[in-house]
Amino acid sequence: MLLQLKRMLCPVAMLAALLGAAVPARAELTCEQLVASAQAGIALRDRGASIGQVLAETEKSELRERFRPDELAMIRRALQLTFSGEFSVYELAETCAAGKGGRR
């Protein structure tokens, strides 16, 4: 059980780092950050985390300080769609880029 928890903590830290590291406060969410969050969520899923545990990571104060509520909602939706397999990471990247006028 402890070993399983340790395996899950590394991707949890990775999710926070990918979404928050080196990003100034209130920076605009990029497609790269959105895709990175989805990839981290999938890594957590593959290590046994539930969708609730993955989504709880988006509630941390450091992320709430860096992203607007609508951006956090977008991150959560991307996590839900890729976690469940409804959307692939590739589809997420393509849709995001198209929505931003081809910018990733």
PDB file of N, CA and C in Angstrom:
ATOM      1  N   MET A   1       0.829  -1.195   0.000  1.00  0.00           N
ATOM      2  CA  MET A   1       0.000   0.000   0.000  1.00  0.00           C
ATOM      3  C   MET A   1       0.869   1.252   0.000  1.00  0.00           C
ATOM      4  N   LEU A   2       1.906   1.288   0.843  1.00  0.00           N
ATOM      5  CA  LEU A   2       2.791   2.441   0.910  1.00  0.00           C
ATOM      6  C   LEU A   2       3.532   2.615  -0.412  1.00  0.00           C
ATOM      7  N   LEU A   3       3.965   1.512  -0.995  1.00  0.00           N
ATOM      8  CA  LEU A   3       4.652   1.579  -2.285  1.00  0.00           C
ATOM      9  C   LEU A   3       3.717   2.120  -3.359  1.00  0.00           C
ATOM     10  N   GLN A   4       2.467   1.691  -3.349  1.00  0.00           N
ATOM     11  CA  GLN A   4       1.491   2.181  -4.324  1.00  0.00           C
ATOM     12  C   GLN A   4       1.269   3.683  -4.140  1.00  0.00           C
ATOM     13  N   LEU A   5       1.200   4.141  -2.911  1.00  0.00           N
ATOM     14  CA  LEU A   5       1.037   5.559  -2.633  1.00  0.00           C
ATOM     15  C   LEU A   5       2.235   6.351  -3.140  1.00  0.00           C
ATOM     16  N   LYS A   6       3.429   5.832  -2.931  1.00  0.00           N
ATOM     17  CA  LYS A   6       4.638   6.508  -3.416  1.00  0.00           C
ATOM     18  C   LYS A   6       4.629   6.598  -4.937  1.00  0.00           C
ATOM     19  N   ARG A   7       4.187   5.550  -5.608  1.00  0.00           N
ATOM     20  CA  ARG A   7       4.121   5.566  -7.071  1.00  0.00           C
ATOM     21  C   ARG A   7       3.135   6.611  -7.570  1.00  0.00           C
ATOM     22  N   MET A   8       2.059   6.826  -6.809  1.00  0.00           N
ATOM     23  CA  MET A   8       1.054   7.800  -7.218  1.00  0.00           C
ATOM     24  C   MET A   8       1.514   9.222  -6.936  1.00  0.00           C
ATOM     25  N   LEU A   9       2.323   9.438  -5.908  1.00  0.00           N
ATOM     26  CA  LEU A   9       2.729  10.782  -5.541  1.00  0.00           C
ATOM     27  C   LEU A   9       3.626  11.430  -6.590  1.00  0.00           C
ATOM     28  N   CYS A  10       4.457  10.659  -7.245  1.00  0.00           N
ATOM     29  CA  CYS A  10       5.332  11.230  -8.269  1.00  0.00           C
ATOM     30  C   CYS A  10       4.517  11.881  -9.387  1.00  0.00           C
ATOM     31  N   PRO A  11       3.533  11.218  -9.981  1.00  0.00           N
ATOM     32  CA  PRO A  11       2.726  11.881 -10.998  1.00  0.00           C
ATOM     33  C   PRO A  11       1.878  13.021 -10.456  1.00  0.00           C
ATOM     34  N   VAL A  12       1.474  12.941  -9.184  1.00  0.00           N
ATOM     35  CA  VAL A  12       0.717  14.043  -8.593  1.00  0.00           C
ATOM     36  C   VAL A  12       1.591  15.286  -8.571  1.00  0.00           C
ATOM     37  N   ALA A  13       2.815  15.126  -8.143  1.00  0.00           N
ATOM     38  CA  ALA A  13       3.748  16.252  -8.149  1.00  0.00           C
ATOM     39  C   ALA A  13       4.006  16.705  -9.577  1.00  0.00           C
ATOM     40  N   MET A  14       4.057  15.755 -10.497  1.00  0.00           N
ATOM     41  CA  MET A  14       4.278  16.084 -11.894  1.00  0.00           C
ATOM     42  C   MET A  14       3.128  16.933 -12.428  1.00  0.00           C
ATOM     43  N   LEU A  15       1.896  16.604 -12.081  1.00  0.00           N
ATOM     44  CA  LEU A  15       0.745  17.382 -12.534  1.00  0.00           C
ATOM     45  C   LEU A  15       0.859  18.817 -12.040  1.00  0.00           C
ATOM     46  N   ALA A  16       1.160  18.992 -10.772  1.00  0.00           N
ATOM     47  CA  ALA A  16       1.298  20.336 -10.227  1.00  0.00           C
ATOM     48  C   ALA A  16       2.460  21.073 -10.882  1.00  0.00           C
ATOM     49  N   ALA A  17       3.547  20.381 -11.098  1.00  0.00           N
ATOM     50  CA  ALA A  17       4.709  21.017 -11.720  1.00  0.00           C
ATOM     51  C   ALA A  17       4.437  21.398 -13.165  1.00  0.00           C
ATOM     52  N   LEU A  18       3.817  20.519 -13.911  1.00  0.00           N
ATOM     53  CA  LEU A  18       3.544  20.803 -15.314  1.00  0.00           C
ATOM     54  C   LEU A  18       2.586  21.968 -15.479  1.00  0.00           C
ATOM     55  N   LEU A  19       1.628  22.058 -14.601  1.00  0.00           N
ATOM     56  CA  LEU A  19       0.650  23.129 -14.713  1.00  0.00           C
ATOM     57  C   LEU A  19       1.127  24.434 -14.103  1.00  0.00           C
ATOM     58  N   GLY A  20       1.993  24.364 -13.117  1.00  0.00           N
ATOM     59  CA  GLY A  20       2.317  25.577 -12.396  1.00  0.00           C
ATOM     60  C   GLY A  20       3.740  26.074 -12.463  1.00  0.00           C
ATOM     61  N   ALA A  21       4.674  25.245 -12.760  1.00  0.00           N
ATOM     62  CA  ALA A  21       6.076  25.647 -12.706  1.00  0.00           C
ATOM     63  C   ALA A  21       6.405  26.675 -13.771  1.00  0.00           C
ATOM     64  N   ALA A  22       7.151  27.660 -13.361  1.00  0.00           N
ATOM     65  CA  ALA A  22       7.665  28.685 -14.270  1.00  0.00           C
ATOM     66  C   ALA A  22       6.573  29.417 -15.037  1.00  0.00           C
ATOM     67  N   VAL A  23       5.395  29.462 -14.488  1.00  0.00           N
ATOM     68  CA  VAL A  23       4.302  30.189 -15.125  1.00  0.00           C
ATOM     69  C   VAL A  23       3.974  31.375 -14.242  1.00  0.00           C
ATOM     70  N   PRO A  24       4.071  32.573 -14.768  1.00  0.00           N
ATOM     71  CA  PRO A  24       3.720  33.731 -13.951  1.00  0.00           C
ATOM     72  C   PRO A  24       2.255  33.667 -13.506  1.00  0.00           C
ATOM     73  N   ALA A  25       1.971  34.313 -12.415  1.00  0.00           N
ATOM     74  CA  ALA A  25       0.591  34.329 -11.931  1.00  0.00           C
ATOM     75  C   ALA A  25      -0.333  34.875 -13.013  1.00  0.00           C
ATOM     76  N   ARG A  26      -1.460  34.227 -13.161  1.00  0.00           N
ATOM     77  CA  ARG A  26      -2.514  34.626 -14.103  1.00  0.00           C
ATOM     78  C   ARG A  26      -2.074  34.601 -15.561  1.00  0.00           C
ATOM     79  N   ALA A  27      -1.158  33.709 -15.892  1.00  0.00           N
ATOM     80  CA  ALA A  27      -0.787  33.540 -17.298  1.00  0.00           C
ATOM     81  C   ALA A  27      -1.912  32.812 -18.018  1.00  0.00           C
ATOM     82  N   GLU A  28      -2.023  33.037 -19.308  1.00  0.00           N
ATOM     83  CA  GLU A  28      -3.044  32.359 -20.092  1.00  0.00           C
ATOM     84  C   GLU A  28      -2.692  30.880 -20.235  1.00  0.00           C
ATOM     85  N   LEU A  29      -3.685  30.031 -20.085  1.00  0.00           N
ATOM     86  CA  LEU A  29      -3.507  28.599 -20.246  1.00  0.00           C
ATOM     87  C   LEU A  29      -3.100  28.298 -21.687  1.00  0.00           C
ATOM     88  N   THR A  30      -2.026  27.547 -21.850  1.00  0.00           N
ATOM     89  CA  THR A  30      -1.575  27.182 -23.189  1.00  0.00           C
ATOM     90  C   THR A  30      -2.017  25.760 -23.511  1.00  0.00           C
ATOM     91  N   CYS A  31      -2.007  25.443 -24.786  1.00  0.00           N
ATOM     92  CA  CYS A  31      -2.328  24.079 -25.203  1.00  0.00           C
ATOM     93  C   CYS A  31      -1.319  23.093 -24.622  1.00  0.00           C
ATOM     94  N   GLU A  32      -0.054  23.499 -24.549  1.00  0.00           N
ATOM     95  CA  GLU A  32       0.966  22.620 -23.987  1.00  0.00           C
ATOM     96  C   GLU A  32       0.652  22.274 -22.536  1.00  0.00           C
ATOM     97  N   GLN A  33       0.203  23.268 -21.772  1.00  0.00           N
ATOM     98  CA  GLN A  33      -0.145  23.009 -20.378  1.00  0.00           C
ATOM     99  C   GLN A  33      -1.375  22.112 -20.273  1.00  0.00           C
ATOM    100  N   LEU A  34      -2.334  22.336 -21.146  1.00  0.00           N
ATOM    101  CA  LEU A  34      -3.544  21.520 -21.137  1.00  0.00           C
ATOM    102  C   LEU A  34      -3.220  20.068 -21.476  1.00  0.00           C
ATOM    103  N   VAL A  35      -2.405  19.877 -22.494  1.00  0.00           N
ATOM    104  CA  VAL A  35      -2.004  18.527 -22.892  1.00  0.00           C
ATOM    105  C   VAL A  35      -1.150  17.880 -21.804  1.00  0.00           C
ATOM    106  N   ALA A  36      -0.242  18.644 -21.210  1.00  0.00           N
ATOM    107  CA  ALA A  36       0.598  18.104 -20.137  1.00  0.00           C
ATOM    108  C   ALA A  36      -0.245  17.661 -18.948  1.00  0.00           C
ATOM    109  N   SER A  37      -1.287  18.429 -18.633  1.00  0.00           N
ATOM    110  CA  SER A  37      -2.154  18.034 -17.522  1.00  0.00           C
ATOM    111  C   SER A  37      -2.878  16.734 -17.845  1.00  0.00           C
ATOM    112  N   ALA A  38      -3.334  16.596 -19.090  1.00  0.00           N
ATOM    113  CA  ALA A  38      -4.010  15.362 -19.501  1.00  0.00           C
ATOM    114  C   ALA A  38      -3.060  14.176 -19.424  1.00  0.00           C
ATOM    115  N   GLN A  39      -1.827  14.371 -19.872  1.00  0.00           N
ATOM    116  CA  GLN A  39      -0.841  13.286 -19.817  1.00  0.00           C
ATOM    117  C   GLN A  39      -0.538  12.894 -18.377  1.00  0.00           C
ATOM    118  N   ALA A  40      -0.431  13.884 -17.506  1.00  0.00           N
ATOM    119  CA  ALA A  40      -0.189  13.596 -16.091  1.00  0.00           C
ATOM    120  C   ALA A  40      -1.385  12.870 -15.476  1.00  0.00           C
ATOM    121  N   GLY A  41      -2.589  13.279 -15.858  1.00  0.00           N
ATOM    122  CA  GLY A  41      -3.789  12.603 -15.367  1.00  0.00           C
ATOM    123  C   GLY A  41      -3.845  11.149 -15.797  1.00  0.00           C
ATOM    124  N   ILE A  42      -3.459  10.893 -17.032  1.00  0.00           N
ATOM    125  CA  ILE A  42      -3.425   9.514 -17.537  1.00  0.00           C
ATOM    126  C   ILE A  42      -2.375   8.705 -16.781  1.00  0.00           C
ATOM    127  N   ALA A  43      -1.236   9.328 -16.511  1.00  0.00           N
ATOM    128  CA  ALA A  43      -0.194   8.636 -15.740  1.00  0.00           C
ATOM    129  C   ALA A  43      -0.705   8.279 -14.347  1.00  0.00           C
ATOM    130  N   LEU A  44      -1.433   9.201 -13.732  1.00  0.00           N
ATOM    131  CA  LEU A  44      -2.017   8.912 -12.416  1.00  0.00           C
ATOM    132  C   LEU A  44      -3.031   7.778 -12.514  1.00  0.00           C
ATOM    133  N   ARG A  45      -3.874   7.822 -13.537  1.00  0.00           N
ATOM    134  CA  ARG A  45      -4.872   6.760 -13.752  1.00  0.00           C
ATOM    135  C   ARG A  45      -4.187   5.408 -13.886  1.00  0.00           C
ATOM    136  N   ASP A  46      -3.126   5.380 -14.672  1.00  0.00           N
ATOM    137  CA  ASP A  46      -2.408   4.130 -14.905  1.00  0.00           C
ATOM    138  C   ASP A  46      -1.727   3.600 -13.651  1.00  0.00           C
ATOM    139  N   ARG A  47      -1.528   4.474 -12.672  1.00  0.00           N
ATOM    140  CA  ARG A  47      -0.944   4.059 -11.393  1.00  0.00           C
ATOM    141  C   ARG A  47      -2.018   3.769 -10.349  1.00  0.00           C
ATOM    142  N   GLY A  48      -3.290   3.839 -10.754  1.00  0.00           N
ATOM    143  CA  GLY A  48      -4.367   3.451  -9.855  1.00  0.00           C
ATOM    144  C   GLY A  48      -5.154   4.584  -9.225  1.00  0.00           C
ATOM    145  N   ALA A  49      -4.862   5.814  -9.572  1.00  0.00           N
ATOM    146  CA  ALA A  49      -5.600   6.941  -8.992  1.00  0.00           C
ATOM    147  C   ALA A  49      -7.003   7.007  -9.587  1.00  0.00           C
ATOM    148  N   SER A  50      -7.930   7.467  -8.795  1.00  0.00           N
ATOM    149  CA  SER A  50      -9.304   7.671  -9.273  1.00  0.00           C
ATOM    150  C   SER A  50      -9.399   9.045  -9.927  1.00  0.00           C
ATOM    151  N   ILE A  51     -10.456   9.265 -10.676  1.00  0.00           N
ATOM    152  CA  ILE A  51     -10.664  10.576 -11.297  1.00  0.00           C
ATOM    153  C   ILE A  51     -10.820  11.640 -10.212  1.00  0.00           C
ATOM    154  N   GLY A  52     -11.420  11.290  -9.103  1.00  0.00           N
ATOM    155  CA  GLY A  52     -11.562  12.234  -7.992  1.00  0.00           C
ATOM    156  C   GLY A  52     -10.221  12.688  -7.440  1.00  0.00           C
ATOM    157  N   GLN A  53      -9.292  11.745  -7.319  1.00  0.00           N
ATOM    158  CA  GLN A  53      -7.952  12.092  -6.833  1.00  0.00           C
ATOM    159  C   GLN A  53      -7.230  13.001  -7.825  1.00  0.00           C
ATOM    160  N   VAL A  54      -7.391  12.709  -9.104  1.00  0.00           N
ATOM    161  CA  VAL A  54      -6.741  13.521 -10.131  1.00  0.00           C
ATOM    162  C   VAL A  54      -7.336  14.930 -10.130  1.00  0.00           C
ATOM    163  N   LEU A  55      -8.648  15.030 -10.101  1.00  0.00           N
ATOM    164  CA  LEU A  55      -9.298  16.338 -10.119  1.00  0.00           C
ATOM    165  C   LEU A  55      -8.992  17.138  -8.856  1.00  0.00           C
ATOM    166  N   ALA A  56      -8.780  16.462  -7.739  1.00  0.00           N
ATOM    167  CA  ALA A  56      -8.450  17.155  -6.491  1.00  0.00           C
ATOM    168  C   ALA A  56      -7.148  17.938  -6.622  1.00  0.00           C
ATOM    169  N   GLU A  57      -6.261  17.478  -7.467  1.00  0.00           N
ATOM    170  CA  GLU A  57      -4.999  18.195  -7.677  1.00  0.00           C
ATOM    171  C   GLU A  57      -5.225  19.577  -8.271  1.00  0.00           C
ATOM    172  N   THR A  58      -6.309  19.762  -8.993  1.00  0.00           N
ATOM    173  CA  THR A  58      -6.579  21.063  -9.604  1.00  0.00           C
ATOM    174  C   THR A  58      -7.156  22.059  -8.602  1.00  0.00           C
ATOM    175  N   GLU A  59      -7.467  21.595  -7.406  1.00  0.00           N
ATOM    176  CA  GLU A  59      -8.033  22.459  -6.372  1.00  0.00           C
ATOM    177  C   GLU A  59      -6.967  23.107  -5.502  1.00  0.00           C
ATOM    178  N   LYS A  60      -5.724  22.757  -5.712  1.00  0.00           N
ATOM    179  CA  LYS A  60      -4.652  23.299  -4.877  1.00  0.00           C
ATOM    180  C   LYS A  60      -4.501  24.795  -5.111  1.00  0.00           C
ATOM    181  N   SER A  61      -4.153  25.493  -4.038  1.00  0.00           N
ATOM    182  CA  SER A  61      -4.099  26.958  -4.088  1.00  0.00           C
ATOM    183  C   SER A  61      -3.095  27.466  -5.114  1.00  0.00           C
ATOM    184  N   GLU A  62      -1.985  26.770  -5.306  1.00  0.00           N
ATOM    185  CA  GLU A  62      -0.993  27.261  -6.271  1.00  0.00           C
ATOM    186  C   GLU A  62      -1.557  27.295  -7.689  1.00  0.00           C
ATOM    187  N   LEU A  63      -2.420  26.360  -8.022  1.00  0.00           N
ATOM    188  CA  LEU A  63      -3.037  26.372  -9.346  1.00  0.00           C
ATOM    189  C   LEU A  63      -4.150  27.409  -9.419  1.00  0.00           C
ATOM    190  N   ARG A  64      -4.901  27.563  -8.345  1.00  0.00           N
ATOM    191  CA  ARG A  64      -5.963  28.572  -8.330  1.00  0.00           C
ATOM    192  C   ARG A  64      -5.388  29.978  -8.437  1.00  0.00           C
ATOM    193  N   GLU A  65      -4.169  30.167  -7.964  1.00  0.00           N
ATOM    194  CA  GLU A  65      -3.520  31.469  -8.072  1.00  0.00           C
ATOM    195  C   GLU A  65      -3.007  31.731  -9.489  1.00  0.00           C
ATOM    196  N   ARG A  66      -2.687  30.681 -10.208  1.00  0.00           N
ATOM    197  CA  ARG A  66      -2.081  30.839 -11.533  1.00  0.00           C
ATOM    198  C   ARG A  66      -3.083  30.841 -12.680  1.00  0.00           C
ATOM    199  N   PHE A  67      -4.228  30.213 -12.477  1.00  0.00           N
ATOM    200  CA  PHE A  67      -5.194  30.081 -13.556  1.00  0.00           C
ATOM    201  C   PHE A  67      -6.540  30.634 -13.137  1.00  0.00           C
ATOM    202  N   ARG A  68      -7.230  31.214 -14.086  1.00  0.00           N
ATOM    203  CA  ARG A  68      -8.584  31.720 -13.851  1.00  0.00           C
ATOM    204  C   ARG A  68      -9.538  30.532 -13.655  1.00  0.00           C
ATOM    205  N   PRO A  69     -10.676  30.776 -13.033  1.00  0.00           N
ATOM    206  CA  PRO A  69     -11.642  29.686 -12.831  1.00  0.00           C
ATOM    207  C   PRO A  69     -12.057  29.000 -14.133  1.00  0.00           C
ATOM    208  N   ASP A  70     -12.232  29.768 -15.217  1.00  0.00           N
ATOM    209  CA  ASP A  70     -12.618  29.146 -16.483  1.00  0.00           C
ATOM    210  C   ASP A  70     -11.496  28.273 -17.043  1.00  0.00           C
ATOM    211  N   GLU A  71     -10.249  28.658 -16.793  1.00  0.00           N
ATOM    212  CA  GLU A  71      -9.122  27.842 -17.251  1.00  0.00           C
ATOM    213  C   GLU A  71      -9.022  26.554 -16.436  1.00  0.00           C
ATOM    214  N   LEU A  72      -9.244  26.656 -15.135  1.00  0.00           N
ATOM    215  CA  LEU A  72      -9.238  25.453 -14.297  1.00  0.00           C
ATOM    216  C   LEU A  72     -10.378  24.520 -14.695  1.00  0.00           C
ATOM    217  N   ALA A  73     -11.509  25.089 -15.054  1.00  0.00           N
ATOM    218  CA  ALA A  73     -12.632  24.261 -15.519  1.00  0.00           C
ATOM    219  C   ALA A  73     -12.250  23.542 -16.810  1.00  0.00           C
ATOM    220  N   MET A  74     -11.515  24.220 -17.683  1.00  0.00           N
ATOM    221  CA  MET A  74     -11.075  23.605 -18.922  1.00  0.00           C
ATOM    222  C   MET A  74     -10.069  22.471 -18.644  1.00  0.00           C
ATOM    223  N   ILE A  75      -9.181  22.698 -17.698  1.00  0.00           N
ATOM    224  CA  ILE A  75      -8.219  21.660 -17.303  1.00  0.00           C
ATOM    225  C   ILE A  75      -8.968  20.453 -16.754  1.00  0.00           C
ATOM    226  N   ARG A  76      -9.932  20.700 -15.893  1.00  0.00           N
ATOM    227  CA  ARG A  76     -10.714  19.595 -15.304  1.00  0.00           C
ATOM    228  C   ARG A  76     -11.466  18.813 -16.380  1.00  0.00           C
ATOM    229  N   ARG A  77     -12.045  19.527 -17.330  1.00  0.00           N
ATOM    230  CA  ARG A  77     -12.786  18.843 -18.402  1.00  0.00           C
ATOM    231  C   ARG A  77     -11.839  18.021 -19.257  1.00  0.00           C
ATOM    232  N   ALA A  78     -10.669  18.557 -19.566  1.00  0.00           N
ATOM    233  CA  ALA A  78      -9.680  17.815 -20.347  1.00  0.00           C
ATOM    234  C   ALA A  78      -9.241  16.564 -19.581  1.00  0.00           C
ATOM    235  N   LEU A  79      -9.050  16.699 -18.273  1.00  0.00           N
ATOM    236  CA  LEU A  79      -8.679  15.542 -17.459  1.00  0.00           C
ATOM    237  C   LEU A  79      -9.771  14.481 -17.487  1.00  0.00           C
ATOM    238  N   GLN A  80     -11.016  14.906 -17.363  1.00  0.00           N
ATOM    239  CA  GLN A  80     -12.130  13.954 -17.375  1.00  0.00           C
ATOM    240  C   GLN A  80     -12.220  13.218 -18.709  1.00  0.00           C
ATOM    241  N   LEU A  81     -12.120  13.967 -19.798  1.00  0.00           N
ATOM    242  CA  LEU A  81     -12.265  13.360 -21.130  1.00  0.00           C
ATOM    243  C   LEU A  81     -11.127  12.403 -21.463  1.00  0.00           C
ATOM    244  N   THR A  82      -9.911  12.774 -21.111  1.00  0.00           N
ATOM    245  CA  THR A  82      -8.782  11.894 -21.427  1.00  0.00           C
ATOM    246  C   THR A  82      -8.670  10.748 -20.428  1.00  0.00           C
ATOM    247  N   PHE A  83      -9.026  10.996 -19.172  1.00  0.00           N
ATOM    248  CA  PHE A  83      -8.993   9.951 -18.151  1.00  0.00           C
ATOM    249  C   PHE A  83      -9.925   8.812 -18.537  1.00  0.00           C
ATOM    250  N   SER A  84     -11.106   9.169 -19.034  1.00  0.00           N
ATOM    251  CA  SER A  84     -12.113   8.162 -19.385  1.00  0.00           C
ATOM    252  C   SER A  84     -11.877   7.536 -20.757  1.00  0.00           C
ATOM    253  N   GLY A  85     -10.998   8.140 -21.541  1.00  0.00           N
ATOM    254  CA  GLY A  85     -10.729   7.624 -22.873  1.00  0.00           C
ATOM    255  C   GLY A  85     -11.671   8.162 -23.938  1.00  0.00           C
ATOM    256  N   GLU A  86     -12.544   9.089 -23.552  1.00  0.00           N
ATOM    257  CA  GLU A  86     -13.456   9.683 -24.534  1.00  0.00           C
ATOM    258  C   GLU A  86     -12.696  10.506 -25.575  1.00  0.00           C
ATOM    259  N   PHE A  87     -11.565  11.036 -25.182  1.00  0.00           N
ATOM    260  CA  PHE A  87     -10.739  11.897 -26.027  1.00  0.00           C
ATOM    261  C   PHE A  87      -9.298  11.446 -25.850  1.00  0.00           C
ATOM    262  N   SER A  88      -8.554  11.344 -26.918  1.00  0.00           N
ATOM    263  CA  SER A  88      -7.134  11.024 -26.786  1.00  0.00           C
ATOM    264  C   SER A  88      -6.358  12.312 -26.546  1.00  0.00           C
ATOM    265  N   VAL A  89      -5.140  12.177 -26.075  1.00  0.00           N
ATOM    266  CA  VAL A  89      -4.286  13.343 -25.879  1.00  0.00           C
ATOM    267  C   VAL A  89      -4.040  14.025 -27.226  1.00  0.00           C
ATOM    268  N   TYR A  90      -3.892  13.228 -28.264  1.00  0.00           N
ATOM    269  CA  TYR A  90      -3.701  13.786 -29.605  1.00  0.00           C
ATOM    270  C   TYR A  90      -4.918  14.624 -30.015  1.00  0.00           C
ATOM    271  N   GLU A  91      -6.116  14.094 -29.794  1.00  0.00           N
ATOM    272  CA  GLU A  91      -7.339  14.827 -30.136  1.00  0.00           C
ATOM    273  C   GLU A  91      -7.446  16.124 -29.323  1.00  0.00           C
ATOM    274  N   LEU A  92      -7.056  16.047 -28.071  1.00  0.00           N
ATOM    275  CA  LEU A  92      -7.058  17.230 -27.217  1.00  0.00           C
ATOM    276  C   LEU A  92      -6.118  18.290 -27.776  1.00  0.00           C
ATOM    277  N   ALA A  93      -4.916  17.878 -28.144  1.00  0.00           N
ATOM    278  CA  ALA A  93      -3.936  18.822 -28.685  1.00  0.00           C
ATOM    279  C   ALA A  93      -4.427  19.464 -29.967  1.00  0.00           C
ATOM    280  N   GLU A  94      -4.998  18.652 -30.852  1.00  0.00           N
ATOM    281  CA  GLU A  94      -5.495  19.170 -32.133  1.00  0.00           C
ATOM    282  C   GLU A  94      -6.682  20.123 -31.921  1.00  0.00           C
ATOM    283  N   THR A  95      -7.598  19.755 -31.058  1.00  0.00           N
ATOM    284  CA  THR A  95      -8.771  20.589 -30.790  1.00  0.00           C
ATOM    285  C   THR A  95      -8.345  21.906 -30.150  1.00  0.00           C
ATOM    286  N   CYS A  96      -7.428  21.837 -29.230  1.00  0.00           N
ATOM    287  CA  CYS A  96      -6.957  23.052 -28.552  1.00  0.00           C
ATOM    288  C   CYS A  96      -6.283  23.973 -29.561  1.00  0.00           C
ATOM    289  N   ALA A  97      -5.395  23.414 -30.375  1.00  0.00           N
ATOM    290  CA  ALA A  97      -4.690  24.228 -31.362  1.00  0.00           C
ATOM    291  C   ALA A  97      -5.680  24.872 -32.344  1.00  0.00           C
ATOM    292  N   ALA A  98      -6.668  24.133 -32.765  1.00  0.00           N
ATOM    293  CA  ALA A  98      -7.667  24.667 -33.692  1.00  0.00           C
ATOM    294  C   ALA A  98      -8.464  25.787 -33.019  1.00  0.00           C
ATOM    295  N   GLY A  99      -8.770  25.614 -31.756  1.00  0.00           N
ATOM    296  CA  GLY A  99      -9.528  26.618 -31.017  1.00  0.00           C
ATOM    297  C   GLY A  99      -8.748  27.894 -30.756  1.00  0.00           C
ATOM    298  N   LYS A 100      -7.432  27.786 -30.792  1.00  0.00           N
ATOM    299  CA  LYS A 100      -6.589  28.957 -30.573  1.00  0.00           C
ATOM    300  C   LYS A 100      -6.021  29.486 -31.882  1.00  0.00           C
ATOM    301  N   GLY A 101      -6.641  29.121 -32.967  1.00  0.00           N
ATOM    302  CA  GLY A 101      -6.207  29.626 -34.263  1.00  0.00           C
ATOM    303  C   GLY A 101      -4.916  29.006 -34.740  1.00  0.00           C
ATOM    304  N   GLY A 102      -4.678  27.759 -34.374  1.00  0.00           N
ATOM    305  CA  GLY A 102      -3.472  27.064 -34.809  1.00  0.00           C
ATOM    306  C   GLY A 102      -2.286  27.216 -33.868  1.00  0.00           C
ATOM    307  N   ARG A 103      -2.423  28.084 -32.843  1.00  0.00           N
ATOM    308  CA  ARG A 103      -1.335  28.231 -31.863  1.00  0.00           C
ATOM    309  C   ARG A 103      -1.413  27.116 -30.842  1.00  0.00           C
ATOM    310  N   ARG A 104      -0.293  26.576 -30.484  1.00  0.00           N
ATOM    311  CA  ARG A 104      -0.245  25.552 -29.441  1.00  0.00           C
ATOM    312  C   ARG A 104       0.339  26.170 -28.229  1.00  0.00           C
TER     313      ARG A 104
END
